[in-house]
PDB file of N, CA and C in Angstrom:
ATOM      1  N   UNK A   1      44.508 111.635  93.339  1.00  0.00           N
ATOM      2  CA  UNK A   1      45.165 110.474  92.770  1.00  0.00           C
ATOM      3  C   UNK A   1      44.570 110.155  91.406  1.00  0.00           C
ATOM      4  N   UNK A   2      43.254 110.284  91.267  1.00  0.00           N
ATOM      5  CA  UNK A   2      42.613 109.976  89.992  1.00  0.00           C
ATOM      6  C   UNK A   2      43.056 110.934  88.893  1.00  0.00           C
ATOM      7  N   UNK A   3      43.308 112.186  89.262  1.00  0.00           N
ATOM      8  CA  UNK A   3      43.743 113.173  88.275  1.00  0.00           C
ATOM      9  C   UNK A   3      45.128 112.818  87.746  1.00  0.00           C
ATOM     10  N   UNK A   4      46.001 112.377  88.627  1.00  0.00           N
ATOM     11  CA  UNK A   4      47.357 112.003  88.216  1.00  0.00           C
ATOM     12  C   UNK A   4      47.316 110.782  87.304  1.00  0.00           C
ATOM     13  N   UNK A   5      46.507 109.798  87.651  1.00  0.00           N
ATOM     14  CA  UNK A   5      46.376 108.598  86.823  1.00  0.00           C
ATOM     15  C   UNK A   5      45.801 108.962  85.462  1.00  0.00           C
ATOM     16  N   UNK A   6      44.806 109.844  85.425  1.00  0.00           N
ATOM     17  CA  UNK A   6      44.209 110.280  84.172  1.00  0.00           C
ATOM     18  C   UNK A   6      45.244 110.994  83.305  1.00  0.00           C
ATOM     19  N   UNK A   7      46.064 111.828  83.904  1.00  0.00           N
ATOM     20  CA  UNK A   7      47.103 112.541  83.156  1.00  0.00           C
ATOM     21  C   UNK A   7      48.131 111.578  82.579  1.00  0.00           C
ATOM     22  N   UNK A   8      48.558 110.625  83.383  1.00  0.00           N
ATOM     23  CA  UNK A   8      49.544 109.653  82.909  1.00  0.00           C
ATOM     24  C   UNK A   8      48.958 108.805  81.790  1.00  0.00           C
ATOM     25  N   UNK A   9      47.709 108.380  81.930  1.00  0.00           N
ATOM     26  CA  UNK A   9      47.076 107.584  80.880  1.00  0.00           C
ATOM     27  C   UNK A   9      46.939 108.377  79.585  1.00  0.00           C
ATOM     28  N   UNK A  10      46.651 109.658  79.680  1.00  0.00           N
ATOM     29  CA  UNK A  10      46.562 110.488  78.485  1.00  0.00           C
ATOM     30  C   UNK A  10      47.877 110.530  77.733  1.00  0.00           C
ATOM     31  N   UNK A  11      48.973 110.704  78.458  1.00  0.00           N
ATOM     32  CA  UNK A  11      50.290 110.726  77.816  1.00  0.00           C
ATOM     33  C   UNK A  11      50.670 109.357  77.260  1.00  0.00           C
ATOM     34  N   UNK A  12      50.302 108.290  77.964  1.00  0.00           N
ATOM     35  CA  UNK A  12      50.595 106.937  77.486  1.00  0.00           C
ATOM     36  C   UNK A  12      49.813 106.647  76.207  1.00  0.00           C
ATOM     37  N   UNK A  13      48.566 107.069  76.146  1.00  0.00           N
ATOM     38  CA  UNK A  13      47.766 106.854  74.937  1.00  0.00           C
ATOM     39  C   UNK A  13      48.376 107.602  73.761  1.00  0.00           C
ATOM     40  N   UNK A  14      48.805 108.844  73.979  1.00  0.00           N
ATOM     41  CA  UNK A  14      49.447 109.613  72.909  1.00  0.00           C
ATOM     42  C   UNK A  14      50.710 108.901  72.425  1.00  0.00           C
ATOM     43  N   UNK A  15      51.514 108.403  73.358  1.00  0.00           N
ATOM     44  CA  UNK A  15      52.728 107.679  72.985  1.00  0.00           C
ATOM     45  C   UNK A  15      52.387 106.413  72.201  1.00  0.00           C
ATOM     46  N   UNK A  16      51.379 105.664  72.639  1.00  0.00           N
ATOM     47  CA  UNK A  16      51.004 104.411  71.971  1.00  0.00           C
ATOM     48  C   UNK A  16      50.469 104.655  70.564  1.00  0.00           C
ATOM     49  N   UNK A  17      49.708 105.731  70.389  1.00  0.00           N
ATOM     50  CA  UNK A  17      49.189 106.055  69.055  1.00  0.00           C
ATOM     51  C   UNK A  17      50.351 106.298  68.099  1.00  0.00           C
ATOM     52  N   UNK A  18      51.379 106.983  68.553  1.00  0.00           N
ATOM     53  CA  UNK A  18      52.539 107.236  67.697  1.00  0.00           C
ATOM     54  C   UNK A  18      53.426 106.007  67.556  1.00  0.00           C
ATOM     55  N   UNK A  19      53.626 105.269  68.630  1.00  0.00           N
ATOM     56  CA  UNK A  19      54.529 104.118  68.602  1.00  0.00           C
ATOM     57  C   UNK A  19      54.014 103.022  67.668  1.00  0.00           C
ATOM     58  N   UNK A  20      52.711 102.777  67.693  1.00  0.00           N
ATOM     59  CA  UNK A  20      52.131 101.730  66.862  1.00  0.00           C
ATOM     60  C   UNK A  20      51.640 102.251  65.514  1.00  0.00           C
ATOM     61  N   UNK A  21      51.949 103.507  65.184  1.00  0.00           N
ATOM     62  CA  UNK A  21      51.591 104.117  63.897  1.00  0.00           C
ATOM     63  C   UNK A  21      50.106 103.977  63.582  1.00  0.00           C
ATOM     64  N   UNK A  22      49.263 104.226  64.554  1.00  0.00           N
ATOM     65  CA  UNK A  22      47.823 104.058  64.360  1.00  0.00           C
ATOM     66  C   UNK A  22      47.233 105.107  63.428  1.00  0.00           C
ATOM     67  N   UNK A  23      47.863 106.279  63.332  1.00  0.00           N
ATOM     68  CA  UNK A  23      47.333 107.324  62.461  1.00  0.00           C
ATOM     69  C   UNK A  23      47.543 106.989  60.986  1.00  0.00           C
ATOM     70  N   UNK A  24      48.517 106.125  60.678  1.00  0.00           N
ATOM     71  CA  UNK A  24      48.760 105.749  59.289  1.00  0.00           C
ATOM     72  C   UNK A  24      47.626 104.910  58.720  1.00  0.00           C
ATOM     73  N   UNK A  25      46.864 104.250  59.573  1.00  0.00           N
ATOM     74  CA  UNK A  25      45.747 103.442  59.092  1.00  0.00           C
ATOM     75  C   UNK A  25      44.646 104.299  58.480  1.00  0.00           C
ATOM     76  N   UNK A  26      44.572 105.556  58.878  1.00  0.00           N
ATOM     77  CA  UNK A  26      43.562 106.463  58.322  1.00  0.00           C
ATOM     78  C   UNK A  26      44.198 107.495  57.402  1.00  0.00           C
ATOM     79  N   UNK A  27      45.472 107.303  57.065  1.00  0.00           N
ATOM     80  CA  UNK A  27      46.133 108.168  56.108  1.00  0.00           C
ATOM     81  C   UNK A  27      46.610 109.493  56.655  1.00  0.00           C
ATOM     82  N   UNK A  28      46.853 109.578  57.934  1.00  0.00           N
ATOM     83  CA  UNK A  28      47.326 110.825  58.555  1.00  0.00           C
ATOM     84  C   UNK A  28      48.723 110.600  59.126  1.00  0.00           C
ATOM     85  N   UNK A  29      49.521 111.675  59.196  1.00  0.00           N
ATOM     86  CA  UNK A  29      50.854 111.529  59.807  1.00  0.00           C
ATOM     87  C   UNK A  29      50.749 111.389  61.322  1.00  0.00           C
ATOM     88  N   UNK A  30      51.852 110.981  61.921  1.00  0.00           N
ATOM     89  CA  UNK A  30      51.888 110.848  63.381  1.00  0.00           C
ATOM     90  C   UNK A  30      51.674 112.197  64.054  1.00  0.00           C
ATOM     91  N   UNK A  31      51.226 112.149  65.285  1.00  0.00           N
ATOM     92  CA  UNK A  31      51.013 113.362  66.073  1.00  0.00           C
ATOM     93  C   UNK A  31      52.364 113.806  66.619  1.00  0.00           C
ATOM     94  N   UNK A  32      52.705 115.064  66.394  1.00  0.00           N
ATOM     95  CA  UNK A  32      53.989 115.573  66.871  1.00  0.00           C
ATOM     96  C   UNK A  32      53.933 115.823  68.373  1.00  0.00           C
ATOM     97  N   UNK A  33      55.092 115.686  69.001  1.00  0.00           N
ATOM     98  CA  UNK A  33      55.198 115.958  70.436  1.00  0.00           C
ATOM     99  C   UNK A  33      55.544 117.426  70.647  1.00  0.00           C
ATOM    100  N   UNK A  34      54.585 118.300  70.430  1.00  0.00           N
ATOM    101  CA  UNK A  34      54.801 119.723  70.667  1.00  0.00           C
ATOM    102  C   UNK A  34      54.436 120.037  72.119  1.00  0.00           C
ATOM    103  N   UNK A  35      54.944 121.143  72.648  1.00  0.00           N
ATOM    104  CA  UNK A  35      54.578 121.501  74.030  1.00  0.00           C
ATOM    105  C   UNK A  35      53.071 121.660  74.223  1.00  0.00           C
ATOM    106  N   UNK A  36      52.377 122.180  73.204  1.00  0.00           N
ATOM    107  CA  UNK A  36      50.925 122.352  73.318  1.00  0.00           C
ATOM    108  C   UNK A  36      50.240 120.994  73.423  1.00  0.00           C
ATOM    109  N   UNK A  37      50.637 120.042  72.592  1.00  0.00           N
ATOM    110  CA  UNK A  37      50.035 118.709  72.640  1.00  0.00           C
ATOM    111  C   UNK A  37      50.320 118.019  73.968  1.00  0.00           C
ATOM    112  N   UNK A  38      51.547 118.116  74.447  1.00  0.00           N
ATOM    113  CA  UNK A  38      51.896 117.453  75.703  1.00  0.00           C
ATOM    114  C   UNK A  38      51.160 118.062  76.888  1.00  0.00           C
ATOM    115  N   UNK A  39      51.038 119.391  76.910  1.00  0.00           N
ATOM    116  CA  UNK A  39      50.312 120.037  78.006  1.00  0.00           C
ATOM    117  C   UNK A  39      48.833 119.689  77.946  1.00  0.00           C
ATOM    118  N   UNK A  40      48.259 119.687  76.736  1.00  0.00           N
ATOM    119  CA  UNK A  40      46.841 119.347  76.596  1.00  0.00           C
ATOM    120  C   UNK A  40      46.583 117.910  77.032  1.00  0.00           C
ATOM    121  N   UNK A  41      47.470 116.995  76.673  1.00  0.00           N
ATOM    122  CA  UNK A  41      47.294 115.599  77.075  1.00  0.00           C
ATOM    123  C   UNK A  41      47.544 115.407  78.569  1.00  0.00           C
ATOM    124  N   UNK A  42      48.490 116.149  79.126  1.00  0.00           N
ATOM    125  CA  UNK A  42      48.790 115.998  80.552  1.00  0.00           C
ATOM    126  C   UNK A  42      47.692 116.610  81.411  1.00  0.00           C
ATOM    127  N   UNK A  43      47.225 117.788  81.050  1.00  0.00           N
ATOM    128  CA  UNK A  43      46.190 118.441  81.856  1.00  0.00           C
ATOM    129  C   UNK A  43      44.799 117.888  81.561  1.00  0.00           C
ATOM    130  N   UNK A  44      44.558 117.513  80.309  1.00  0.00           N
ATOM    131  CA  UNK A  44      43.245 117.014  79.929  1.00  0.00           C
ATOM    132  C   UNK A  44      43.076 115.530  80.144  1.00  0.00           C
ATOM    133  N   UNK A  45      44.179 114.816  80.250  1.00  0.00           N
ATOM    134  CA  UNK A  45      44.109 113.375  80.447  1.00  0.00           C
ATOM    135  C   UNK A  45      43.589 112.670  79.207  1.00  0.00           C
ATOM    136  N   UNK A  46      42.744 111.687  79.412  1.00  0.00           N
ATOM    137  CA  UNK A  46      42.198 110.914  78.297  1.00  0.00           C
ATOM    138  C   UNK A  46      41.321 111.778  77.394  1.00  0.00           C
ATOM    139  N   UNK A  47      40.411 112.605  77.918  1.00  0.00           N
ATOM    140  CA  UNK A  47      39.637 113.474  77.013  1.00  0.00           C
ATOM    141  C   UNK A  47      40.523 114.448  76.234  1.00  0.00           C
ATOM    142  N   UNK A  48      41.569 114.963  76.855  1.00  0.00           N
ATOM    143  CA  UNK A  48      42.489 115.855  76.154  1.00  0.00           C
ATOM    144  C   UNK A  48      43.206 115.146  75.021  1.00  0.00           C
ATOM    145  N   UNK A  49      43.599 113.912  75.256  1.00  0.00           N
ATOM    146  CA  UNK A  49      44.254 113.125  74.215  1.00  0.00           C
ATOM    147  C   UNK A  49      43.291 112.835  73.077  1.00  0.00           C
ATOM    148  N   UNK A  50      42.044 112.540  73.401  1.00  0.00           N
ATOM    149  CA  UNK A  50      41.058 112.311  72.345  1.00  0.00           C
ATOM    150  C   UNK A  50      40.836 113.565  71.516  1.00  0.00           C
ATOM    151  N   UNK A  51      40.860 114.733  72.142  1.00  0.00           N
ATOM    152  CA  UNK A  51      40.722 115.986  71.399  1.00  0.00           C
ATOM    153  C   UNK A  51      41.895 116.155  70.439  1.00  0.00           C
ATOM    154  N   UNK A  52      43.103 115.879  70.901  1.00  0.00           N
ATOM    155  CA  UNK A  52      44.284 115.994  70.042  1.00  0.00           C
ATOM    156  C   UNK A  52      44.181 115.027  68.866  1.00  0.00           C
ATOM    157  N   UNK A  53      43.751 113.797  69.117  1.00  0.00           N
ATOM    158  CA  UNK A  53      43.632 112.794  68.055  1.00  0.00           C
ATOM    159  C   UNK A  53      42.547 113.194  67.060  1.00  0.00           C
ATOM    160  N   UNK A  54      41.409 113.647  67.545  1.00  0.00           N
ATOM    161  CA  UNK A  54      40.316 114.047  66.651  1.00  0.00           C
ATOM    162  C   UNK A  54      40.716 115.247  65.808  1.00  0.00           C
ATOM    163  N   UNK A  55      41.398 116.217  66.413  1.00  0.00           N
ATOM    164  CA  UNK A  55      41.845 117.378  65.639  1.00  0.00           C
ATOM    165  C   UNK A  55      42.850 116.962  64.565  1.00  0.00           C
ATOM    166  N   UNK A  56      43.704 115.997  64.863  1.00  0.00           N
ATOM    167  CA  UNK A  56      44.658 115.503  63.869  1.00  0.00           C
ATOM    168  C   UNK A  56      43.920 114.782  62.745  1.00  0.00           C
ATOM    169  N   UNK A  57      42.889 114.016  63.086  1.00  0.00           N
ATOM    170  CA  UNK A  57      42.115 113.313  62.062  1.00  0.00           C
ATOM    171  C   UNK A  57      41.359 114.279  61.160  1.00  0.00           C
ATOM    172  N   UNK A  58      40.921 115.394  61.716  1.00  0.00           N
ATOM    173  CA  UNK A  58      40.201 116.391  60.929  1.00  0.00           C
ATOM    174  C   UNK A  58      41.132 117.257  60.089  1.00  0.00           C
ATOM    175  N   UNK A  59      42.427 117.119  60.282  1.00  0.00           N
ATOM    176  CA  UNK A  59      43.383 117.880  59.495  1.00  0.00           C
ATOM    177  C   UNK A  59      43.788 119.193  60.106  1.00  0.00           C
ATOM    178  N   UNK A  60      43.420 119.440  61.360  1.00  0.00           N
ATOM    179  CA  UNK A  60      43.790 120.667  62.070  1.00  0.00           C
ATOM    180  C   UNK A  60      44.615 120.305  63.293  1.00  0.00           C
ATOM    181  N   UNK A  61      45.904 120.016  63.105  1.00  0.00           N
ATOM    182  CA  UNK A  61      46.704 119.618  64.272  1.00  0.00           C
ATOM    183  C   UNK A  61      46.811 120.737  65.296  1.00  0.00           C
ATOM    184  N   UNK A  62      46.752 120.364  66.550  1.00  0.00           N
ATOM    185  CA  UNK A  62      46.864 121.329  67.644  1.00  0.00           C
ATOM    186  C   UNK A  62      48.341 121.609  67.860  1.00  0.00           C
ATOM    187  N   UNK A  63      48.710 122.876  67.873  1.00  0.00           N
ATOM    188  CA  UNK A  63      50.101 123.255  68.131  1.00  0.00           C
ATOM    189  C   UNK A  63      50.919 123.103  66.928  1.00  0.00           C
TER     190      UNK A  63
END
């Protein structure tokens, strides 16, 4: 059950980052919804989403 909740929270965080345009505050474009990003956020949960966000901030988008 905890794994499912973690996966859902990861996807919700990714959606919220894009919906509220949080990446624009640091001068980066929104994170695209590519299959690689969605799978990483779904399987990795919150840590996976943080990896996607950090890679986007560093200028190396995943997928």
